[in-house]
Protein backbone atom coordinates (compact mmCIF):
# COMPACT_ATOMS: atom_id res chain seq x y z
CA MET A 1 0.00 0.00 0.00
CA GLY A 2 2.88 2.36 0.80
CA TYR A 3 4.28 1.93 -2.71
CA VAL A 4 0.94 2.86 -4.25
CA LEU A 5 0.60 5.91 -2.00
CA ALA A 6 4.15 7.02 -2.87
CA LEU A 7 3.35 6.78 -6.57
CA ILE A 8 0.06 8.68 -6.22
CA PHE A 9 1.61 11.35 -4.00
CA GLY A 10 4.54 11.87 -6.36
CA TYR A 11 2.36 11.95 -9.45
CA LEU A 12 -0.11 14.49 -8.05
CA LEU A 13 2.66 16.75 -6.79
CA GLY A 14 4.53 16.51 -10.08
CA SER A 15 1.43 17.26 -12.11
CA ILE A 16 1.00 20.80 -10.72
CA PRO A 17 1.55 22.99 -13.85
CA PHE A 18 3.46 25.87 -12.25
CA GLY A 19 4.47 27.50 -15.57
CA LEU A 20 0.85 27.77 -16.63
CA LEU A 21 -0.37 28.93 -13.21
CA ILE A 22 2.36 31.55 -12.81
CA THR A 23 1.94 33.12 -16.26
CA ARG A 24 -1.83 33.25 -15.88
CA ALA A 25 -1.54 34.82 -12.42
CA ALA A 26 0.81 37.44 -13.90
CA GLY A 27 -1.78 38.33 -16.55
CA LEU A 28 0.25 36.92 -19.45
CA GLY A 29 -2.40 34.45 -20.58
CA ASP A 30 -1.77 30.83 -21.51
CA VAL A 31 1.94 30.09 -21.96
CA ARG A 32 0.96 27.18 -24.21
CA ASN A 33 0.02 29.73 -26.90
CA ILE A 34 3.59 30.99 -27.41
CA GLY A 35 6.93 29.56 -28.49
CA SER A 36 7.07 25.78 -28.20
CA GLY A 37 3.68 25.60 -26.48
CA ASN A 38 5.38 24.02 -23.49
CA ILE A 39 4.57 24.84 -19.84
CA GLY A 40 8.20 24.78 -18.71
CA ALA A 41 10.65 27.50 -17.73
CA THR A 42 12.30 27.84 -21.15
CA ASN A 43 8.98 28.67 -22.76
CA VAL A 44 7.96 30.95 -19.89
CA LEU A 45 11.21 32.83 -20.59
CA ARG A 46 9.85 33.54 -24.08
CA THR A 47 7.28 35.84 -22.45
CA GLY A 48 10.23 38.11 -21.74
CA ASN A 49 9.78 37.81 -17.98
CA LYS A 50 12.94 36.32 -16.48
CA ALA A 51 11.57 36.35 -12.93
CA LEU A 52 8.57 34.23 -13.93
CA ALA A 53 10.83 31.83 -15.82
CA ALA A 54 13.11 31.50 -12.77
CA ALA A 55 10.10 30.91 -10.50
CA THR A 56 8.80 28.24 -12.88
CA LEU A 57 12.19 26.51 -12.98
CA LEU A 58 12.47 26.58 -9.19
CA LEU A 59 8.94 25.32 -8.50
CA ASP A 60 9.06 22.62 -11.19
CA ALA A 61 12.33 21.40 -9.69
CA LEU A 62 11.18 21.59 -6.08
CA LYS A 63 8.11 19.46 -6.70
CA GLY A 64 10.46 16.63 -7.72
CA THR A 65 12.69 17.24 -4.73
CA ALA A 66 9.74 17.41 -2.32
CA ALA A 67 8.25 14.18 -3.65
CA ALA A 68 11.53 12.31 -3.27
CA LEU A 69 12.37 13.69 0.18
CA ILE A 70 8.92 13.50 1.77
CA ALA A 71 8.22 9.95 0.60
CA GLY A 72 11.85 9.00 1.23
CA HIS A 73 11.39 9.96 4.87
CA PHE A 74 9.26 6.82 5.22
CA SER A 75 11.40 4.55 3.04
CA PRO A 76 14.19 5.02 0.47
CA ASP A 77 12.12 2.93 -1.95
CA PHE A 78 9.16 5.27 -1.50
CA GLY A 79 11.37 8.27 -2.24
CA PHE A 80 12.67 6.57 -5.37
CA LEU A 81 9.14 5.83 -6.60
CA ALA A 82 7.67 9.21 -5.65
CA GLY A 83 10.48 11.07 -7.39
CA PHE A 84 9.94 9.11 -10.59
CA ALA A 85 6.17 9.58 -10.31
CA ALA A 86 6.64 13.36 -9.88
CA PHE A 87 8.70 13.39 -13.08
CA LEU A 88 5.94 11.49 -14.90
CA GLY A 89 3.31 13.79 -13.39
CA HIS A 90 5.07 16.83 -14.85
CA LEU A 91 5.21 15.16 -18.27
CA PHE A 92 1.64 13.87 -18.19
CA PRO A 93 -0.45 16.01 -15.77
CA VAL A 94 -4.00 14.83 -15.29
CA TRP A 95 -5.19 18.46 -15.10
CA LEU A 96 -3.99 19.28 -18.65
CA GLY A 97 -5.19 16.22 -20.51
CA PHE A 98 -1.82 14.50 -19.88
CA LYS A 99 0.01 17.13 -21.97
CA GLY A 100 2.70 18.64 -19.79
CA GLY A 101 6.28 19.81 -19.90
CA LYS A 102 9.41 18.07 -21.03
CA GLY A 103 10.57 17.25 -17.54
CA VAL A 104 14.03 18.78 -17.31
CA ALA A 105 13.44 20.95 -14.22
CA THR A 106 11.61 18.15 -12.41
CA TYR A 107 14.38 15.72 -13.43
CA LEU A 108 16.83 18.13 -11.81
CA GLY A 109 14.69 18.36 -8.69
CA VAL A 110 14.49 14.59 -8.34
CA LEU A 111 18.27 14.50 -8.72
CA LEU A 112 18.57 16.94 -5.83
CA GLY A 113 16.34 14.72 -3.69
CA LEU A 114 17.97 11.39 -4.54
CA ALA A 115 21.59 12.13 -5.53
CA TRP A 116 22.55 15.78 -5.12
CA GLN A 117 25.99 15.18 -6.66
CA GLY A 118 24.25 14.31 -9.91
CA MET A 119 22.44 17.63 -9.78
CA LEU A 120 25.80 19.40 -9.67
CA VAL A 121 27.01 17.39 -12.68
CA PHE A 122 23.83 18.27 -14.57
CA ALA A 123 24.11 21.96 -13.69
CA VAL A 124 27.76 22.24 -14.76
CA VAL A 125 27.18 20.45 -18.08
CA TRP A 126 23.96 22.40 -18.78
CA LEU A 127 25.56 25.76 -18.04
CA ALA A 128 28.62 24.99 -20.16
CA MET A 129 26.55 23.85 -23.15
CA ALA A 130 24.06 26.71 -22.81
CA PHE A 131 26.90 29.24 -22.66
CA LEU A 132 28.61 27.76 -25.71
CA PHE A 133 25.60 27.13 -27.95
CA ARG A 134 22.63 29.09 -26.47
CA TYR A 135 20.23 26.17 -26.90
CA SER A 136 18.43 25.07 -23.74
CA SER A 137 17.29 21.82 -25.32
CA LEU A 138 20.80 20.84 -26.46
CA ALA A 139 22.23 21.68 -23.04
CA ALA A 140 19.58 19.55 -21.33
CA LEU A 141 20.08 16.61 -23.69
CA VAL A 142 23.84 16.55 -23.26
CA ALA A 143 23.46 16.81 -19.47
CA ALA A 144 20.91 13.98 -19.55
CA VAL A 145 23.49 11.75 -21.24
CA VAL A 146 26.27 12.61 -18.79
CA VAL A 147 24.27 12.33 -15.55
CA PRO A 148 23.45 8.57 -15.55
CA ILE A 149 27.07 7.80 -16.41
CA ALA A 150 28.30 9.99 -13.56
CA LEU A 151 25.73 8.47 -11.17
CA TYR A 152 27.01 4.99 -11.96
CA PHE A 153 30.31 6.01 -10.35
CA ILE A 154 29.10 8.33 -7.57
CA SER A 155 25.79 6.77 -6.50
CA THR A 156 24.01 3.40 -6.56
CA PRO A 157 23.33 1.30 -9.66
CA GLN A 158 19.59 1.64 -8.95
CA ILE A 159 19.70 5.43 -9.00
CA ALA A 160 21.92 5.42 -12.10
CA GLY A 161 19.40 3.10 -13.77
CA LEU A 162 16.47 5.30 -12.79
CA PHE A 163 18.10 8.36 -14.31
CA ALA A 164 19.09 6.43 -17.43
CA LEU A 165 15.38 5.69 -17.88
CA MET A 166 14.41 9.28 -17.11
CA SER A 167 17.06 10.53 -19.56
CA LEU A 168 15.62 8.29 -22.27
CA ILE A 169 12.18 9.78 -21.60
CA VAL A 170 13.66 13.31 -21.75
CA PHE A 171 15.07 12.47 -25.20
CA ILE A 172 11.69 11.15 -26.36
CA LYS A 173 9.93 14.29 -25.09
CA HIS A 174 12.50 16.44 -26.93
CA HIS A 175 12.03 14.74 -30.31
CA ALA A 176 10.70 17.95 -31.89
CA ASN A 177 13.60 19.94 -30.42
CA ILE A 178 16.07 17.42 -31.81
CA SER A 179 14.50 17.79 -35.26
CA ARG A 180 14.73 21.59 -35.02
CA LEU A 181 18.33 21.42 -33.80
CA LEU A 182 19.26 19.29 -36.80
CA ALA A 183 17.40 21.67 -39.12
CA GLY A 184 18.94 24.76 -37.51
CA THR A 185 15.55 26.21 -36.55
CA GLU A 186 15.57 25.66 -32.78
CA GLY A 187 14.93 28.81 -30.74
CA LYS A 188 17.84 30.09 -28.71
CA ILE A 189 17.77 30.95 -25.02
CA GLY A 190 16.17 34.34 -24.46
CA ALA A 191 14.45 34.51 -27.86
CA LYS A 192 10.84 35.71 -27.62
CA GLY A 193 7.81 34.27 -29.32
């Protein structure tokens, strides 16, 4: 029963669409009508409001962290499951017809909750790639490749395996971004619209 509750708790927490809620509360309308149509921080940034984008990034990450830490207080297995469920909840929120974000911020938050060293690896790789190429999607994809490899050496095989699976899902959710990157039409960080 505890496993089921951990999954439900994580999923419901992860499915809170902070990007949509924040932009609506700020009077900017539905963030799904601009840019990529995504509810995540990168698309919120396309409104031109850096503070709202930062708040979205923080809240989308913290819901993954909270799920992993709160459930993990009762059992490490529960934390593991709740973190993964929060990630899935962000990707497929029940409130938005199962059409959510691409999961990068929540992925990062789950990393913080389960293996904080991996979060540092992700952040360093993401920042370096974003600085060099100015593509958030490319930075996230490269970081998502590096993190499970790093976790294999600095954490447990189970956590490395979980993030390998989550990284695969991140790649699947970024299929349109990958196509645009290859075509040279992907929007750069800070570009509006």
